[in-house]
Amino acid sequence: MLPDHEITLRTLLAELNFLDRGCYRSSASSSWRSPYVFEESPSCPNFGNRARPHQCKDCWLLHYVSLKHHQEQAPCRFVQLTPEGMTVDSLYRYATLDETEEALRKWLLARIHEFNEQLLEAASPFPLAS
């Protein structure tokens, strides 16, 4: 597995841990709302830094954002979390916090599974049958 893949896998696992600990349910910086998905989690390169010194174009999540949304102020809001096309942005508009967390958990588990499969394939001396 490439180093970038290992970093992404660790980041996905950390994001899942953040979600499972209930950290999207309360915000230290804004008690009146839940933290923004991805933007206010430790997986964001600008986590905890209001100056936002890191550009979104360098974020690990950009790989999961369609090209048409790369120039958005917060491209991570356009990560497609469901096969039906629901993004973080659309879940903010139409879903409850429970529904958003469920979609995020499924998406994270699917990406983690994909990376684990790649790891198994890379470690196997014999190609896995498709």
C-alpha atoms as a PDB file:
ATOM      1  CA  MET A   1       0.000   0.000   0.000  1.00  0.00           C
ATOM      2  CA  LEU A   2       1.314   3.446  -0.873  1.00  0.00           C
ATOM      3  CA  PRO A   3       2.110   5.882   1.962  1.00  0.00           C
ATOM      4  CA  ASP A   4      -0.711   8.200   0.790  1.00  0.00           C
ATOM      5  CA  HIS A   5      -3.126   5.277   1.026  1.00  0.00           C
ATOM      6  CA  GLU A   6      -1.959   4.497   4.547  1.00  0.00           C
ATOM      7  CA  ILE A   7      -2.431   8.128   5.571  1.00  0.00           C
ATOM      8  CA  THR A   8      -5.901   8.220   4.033  1.00  0.00           C
ATOM      9  CA  LEU A   9      -6.857   4.950   5.728  1.00  0.00           C
ATOM     10  CA  ARG A  10      -5.673   6.263   9.106  1.00  0.00           C
ATOM     11  CA  THR A  11      -7.602   9.492   8.499  1.00  0.00           C
ATOM     12  CA  LEU A  12     -10.777   7.571   7.626  1.00  0.00           C
ATOM     13  CA  LEU A  13     -10.395   5.498  10.795  1.00  0.00           C
ATOM     14  CA  ALA A  14      -9.847   8.646  12.874  1.00  0.00           C
ATOM     15  CA  GLU A  15     -12.930  10.239  11.309  1.00  0.00           C
ATOM     16  CA  LEU A  16     -14.990   7.147  12.154  1.00  0.00           C
ATOM     17  CA  ASN A  17     -13.678   7.273  15.728  1.00  0.00           C
ATOM     18  CA  PHE A  18     -14.619  10.979  15.951  1.00  0.00           C
ATOM     19  CA  LEU A  19     -18.127  10.149  14.732  1.00  0.00           C
ATOM     20  CA  ASP A  20     -18.524   7.142  17.023  1.00  0.00           C
ATOM     21  CA  ARG A  21     -17.458   9.176  20.070  1.00  0.00           C
ATOM     22  CA  GLY A  22     -20.392  11.529  19.383  1.00  0.00           C
ATOM     23  CA  CYS A  23     -18.191  14.468  18.516  1.00  0.00           C
ATOM     24  CA  TYR A  24     -20.551  15.620  15.754  1.00  0.00           C
ATOM     25  CA  ARG A  25     -23.267  16.060  18.374  1.00  0.00           C
ATOM     26  CA  SER A  26     -21.636  18.911  20.301  1.00  0.00           C
ATOM     27  CA  SER A  27     -19.216  21.669  19.465  1.00  0.00           C
ATOM     28  CA  ALA A  28     -16.844  23.402  21.810  1.00  0.00           C
ATOM     29  CA  SER A  29     -16.698  26.408  19.492  1.00  0.00           C
ATOM     30  CA  SER A  30     -20.450  26.709  18.786  1.00  0.00           C
ATOM     31  CA  SER A  31     -22.794  25.459  21.470  1.00  0.00           C
ATOM     32  CA  TRP A  32     -25.852  26.411  19.393  1.00  0.00           C
ATOM     33  CA  ARG A  33     -25.132  23.978  16.534  1.00  0.00           C
ATOM     34  CA  SER A  34     -23.466  20.662  15.793  1.00  0.00           C
ATOM     35  CA  PRO A  35     -19.987  20.730  14.258  1.00  0.00           C
ATOM     36  CA  TYR A  36     -19.794  20.747  10.475  1.00  0.00           C
ATOM     37  CA  VAL A  37     -19.057  17.315   9.023  1.00  0.00           C
ATOM     38  CA  PHE A  38     -15.399  17.066   7.994  1.00  0.00           C
ATOM     39  CA  GLU A  39     -14.787  20.830   8.403  1.00  0.00           C
ATOM     40  CA  GLU A  40     -14.775  20.695  12.189  1.00  0.00           C
ATOM     41  CA  SER A  41     -13.176  17.331  12.742  1.00  0.00           C
ATOM     42  CA  PRO A  42      -9.527  16.457  13.308  1.00  0.00           C
ATOM     43  CA  SER A  43      -9.350  15.132   9.742  1.00  0.00           C
ATOM     44  CA  CYS A  44      -9.557  18.714   8.432  1.00  0.00           C
ATOM     45  CA  PRO A  45      -6.125  20.243   7.804  1.00  0.00           C
ATOM     46  CA  ASN A  46      -7.480  23.488   9.321  1.00  0.00           C
ATOM     47  CA  PHE A  47      -8.991  21.850  12.421  1.00  0.00           C
ATOM     48  CA  GLY A  48      -8.962  24.286  15.329  1.00  0.00           C
ATOM     49  CA  ASN A  49      -7.338  27.089  13.338  1.00  0.00           C
ATOM     50  CA  ARG A  50      -9.704  29.915  12.426  1.00  0.00           C
ATOM     51  CA  ALA A  51      -7.032  31.475  10.193  1.00  0.00           C
ATOM     52  CA  ARG A  52      -7.451  28.470   7.838  1.00  0.00           C
ATOM     53  CA  PRO A  53      -3.813  28.419   6.671  1.00  0.00           C
ATOM     54  CA  HIS A  54      -4.281  25.263   4.569  1.00  0.00           C
ATOM     55  CA  GLN A  55      -6.055  25.429   1.252  1.00  0.00           C
ATOM     56  CA  CYS A  56      -8.833  22.963   0.524  1.00  0.00           C
ATOM     57  CA  LYS A  57      -7.092  21.966  -2.695  1.00  0.00           C
ATOM     58  CA  ASP A  58      -4.548  20.154  -0.515  1.00  0.00           C
ATOM     59  CA  CYS A  59      -7.159  18.260   1.537  1.00  0.00           C
ATOM     60  CA  TRP A  60      -7.317  14.456   1.461  1.00  0.00           C
ATOM     61  CA  LEU A  61     -11.091  14.653   0.842  1.00  0.00           C
ATOM     62  CA  LEU A  62     -10.789  16.435  -2.497  1.00  0.00           C
ATOM     63  CA  HIS A  63     -10.323  13.016  -4.098  1.00  0.00           C
ATOM     64  CA  TYR A  64     -13.960  12.312  -3.136  1.00  0.00           C
ATOM     65  CA  VAL A  65     -15.356  15.592  -4.507  1.00  0.00           C
ATOM     66  CA  SER A  66     -16.452  15.936  -8.136  1.00  0.00           C
ATOM     67  CA  LEU A  67     -14.384  18.364 -10.192  1.00  0.00           C
ATOM     68  CA  LYS A  68     -17.294  20.783 -10.578  1.00  0.00           C
ATOM     69  CA  HIS A  69     -17.201  21.413  -6.801  1.00  0.00           C
ATOM     70  CA  HIS A  70     -13.437  21.754  -6.322  1.00  0.00           C
ATOM     71  CA  GLN A  71     -13.665  25.566  -6.272  1.00  0.00           C
ATOM     72  CA  GLU A  72     -16.407  25.734  -3.629  1.00  0.00           C
ATOM     73  CA  GLN A  73     -15.587  27.529  -0.378  1.00  0.00           C
ATOM     74  CA  ALA A  74     -15.879  24.175   1.445  1.00  0.00           C
ATOM     75  CA  PRO A  75     -15.507  21.426  -1.174  1.00  0.00           C
ATOM     76  CA  CYS A  76     -15.826  18.727   1.500  1.00  0.00           C
ATOM     77  CA  ARG A  77     -19.516  19.603   1.744  1.00  0.00           C
ATOM     78  CA  PHE A  78     -19.860  18.020  -1.691  1.00  0.00           C
ATOM     79  CA  VAL A  79     -18.487  14.588  -0.844  1.00  0.00           C
ATOM     80  CA  GLN A  80     -21.142  12.194  -2.153  1.00  0.00           C
ATOM     81  CA  LEU A  81     -22.049  10.000   0.812  1.00  0.00           C
ATOM     82  CA  THR A  82     -24.811   7.858  -0.702  1.00  0.00           C
ATOM     83  CA  PRO A  83     -25.307   6.041  -4.014  1.00  0.00           C
ATOM     84  CA  GLU A  84     -28.380   8.234  -4.550  1.00  0.00           C
ATOM     85  CA  GLY A  85     -26.129  11.297  -4.703  1.00  0.00           C
ATOM     86  CA  MET A  86     -26.665  12.772  -1.236  1.00  0.00           C
ATOM     87  CA  THR A  87     -23.752  14.986  -0.285  1.00  0.00           C
ATOM     88  CA  VAL A  88     -22.845  16.489   3.058  1.00  0.00           C
ATOM     89  CA  ASP A  89     -24.403  19.717   1.763  1.00  0.00           C
ATOM     90  CA  SER A  90     -27.699  18.091   0.786  1.00  0.00           C
ATOM     91  CA  LEU A  91     -27.857  16.209   4.092  1.00  0.00           C
ATOM     92  CA  TYR A  92     -27.489  19.535   5.920  1.00  0.00           C
ATOM     93  CA  ARG A  93     -30.575  20.733   4.031  1.00  0.00           C
ATOM     94  CA  TYR A  94     -32.817  17.666   4.145  1.00  0.00           C
ATOM     95  CA  ALA A  95     -31.693  15.200   6.827  1.00  0.00           C
ATOM     96  CA  THR A  96     -31.700  14.947  10.573  1.00  0.00           C
ATOM     97  CA  LEU A  97     -28.466  14.661  12.511  1.00  0.00           C
ATOM     98  CA  ASP A  98     -29.136  10.931  12.984  1.00  0.00           C
ATOM     99  CA  GLU A  99     -29.632  10.430   9.233  1.00  0.00           C
ATOM    100  CA  THR A 100     -26.492  12.432   8.487  1.00  0.00           C
ATOM    101  CA  GLU A 101     -24.444  10.407  10.956  1.00  0.00           C
ATOM    102  CA  GLU A 102     -25.805   7.144   9.530  1.00  0.00           C
ATOM    103  CA  ALA A 103     -24.894   8.162   5.963  1.00  0.00           C
ATOM    104  CA  LEU A 104     -21.450   9.320   7.074  1.00  0.00           C
ATOM    105  CA  ARG A 105     -20.815   6.091   9.007  1.00  0.00           C
ATOM    106  CA  LYS A 106     -21.805   3.946   6.004  1.00  0.00           C
ATOM    107  CA  TRP A 107     -19.607   6.025   3.701  1.00  0.00           C
ATOM    108  CA  LEU A 108     -16.618   5.818   6.050  1.00  0.00           C
ATOM    109  CA  LEU A 109     -17.017   2.059   6.526  1.00  0.00           C
ATOM    110  CA  ALA A 110     -17.246   1.537   2.759  1.00  0.00           C
ATOM    111  CA  ARG A 111     -14.076   3.565   2.120  1.00  0.00           C
ATOM    112  CA  ILE A 112     -12.245   1.738   4.941  1.00  0.00           C
ATOM    113  CA  HIS A 113     -13.341  -1.591   3.462  1.00  0.00           C
ATOM    114  CA  GLU A 114     -12.038  -0.530   0.030  1.00  0.00           C
ATOM    115  CA  PHE A 115      -8.645   0.399   1.484  1.00  0.00           C
ATOM    116  CA  ASN A 116      -8.451  -2.858   3.444  1.00  0.00           C
ATOM    117  CA  GLU A 117      -9.230  -4.813   0.263  1.00  0.00           C
ATOM    118  CA  GLN A 118      -6.446  -2.934  -1.549  1.00  0.00           C
ATOM    119  CA  LEU A 119      -4.093  -3.752   1.304  1.00  0.00           C
ATOM    120  CA  LEU A 120      -4.976  -7.446   1.106  1.00  0.00           C
ATOM    121  CA  GLU A 121      -4.508  -7.439  -2.677  1.00  0.00           C
ATOM    122  CA  ALA A 122      -1.143  -5.711  -2.406  1.00  0.00           C
ATOM    123  CA  ALA A 123       0.031  -8.180   0.267  1.00  0.00           C
ATOM    124  CA  SER A 124      -1.156 -11.301  -1.577  1.00  0.00           C
ATOM    125  CA  PRO A 125       1.416 -13.145  -3.708  1.00  0.00           C
ATOM    126  CA  PHE A 126      -1.493 -14.334  -5.863  1.00  0.00           C
ATOM    127  CA  PRO A 127      -4.034 -12.055  -7.558  1.00  0.00           C
ATOM    128  CA  LEU A 128      -7.482 -12.225  -6.014  1.00  0.00           C
ATOM    129  CA  ALA A 129     -10.215 -13.480  -8.307  1.00  0.00           C
ATOM    130  CA  SER A 130     -12.796 -10.882  -9.243  1.00  0.00           C
END
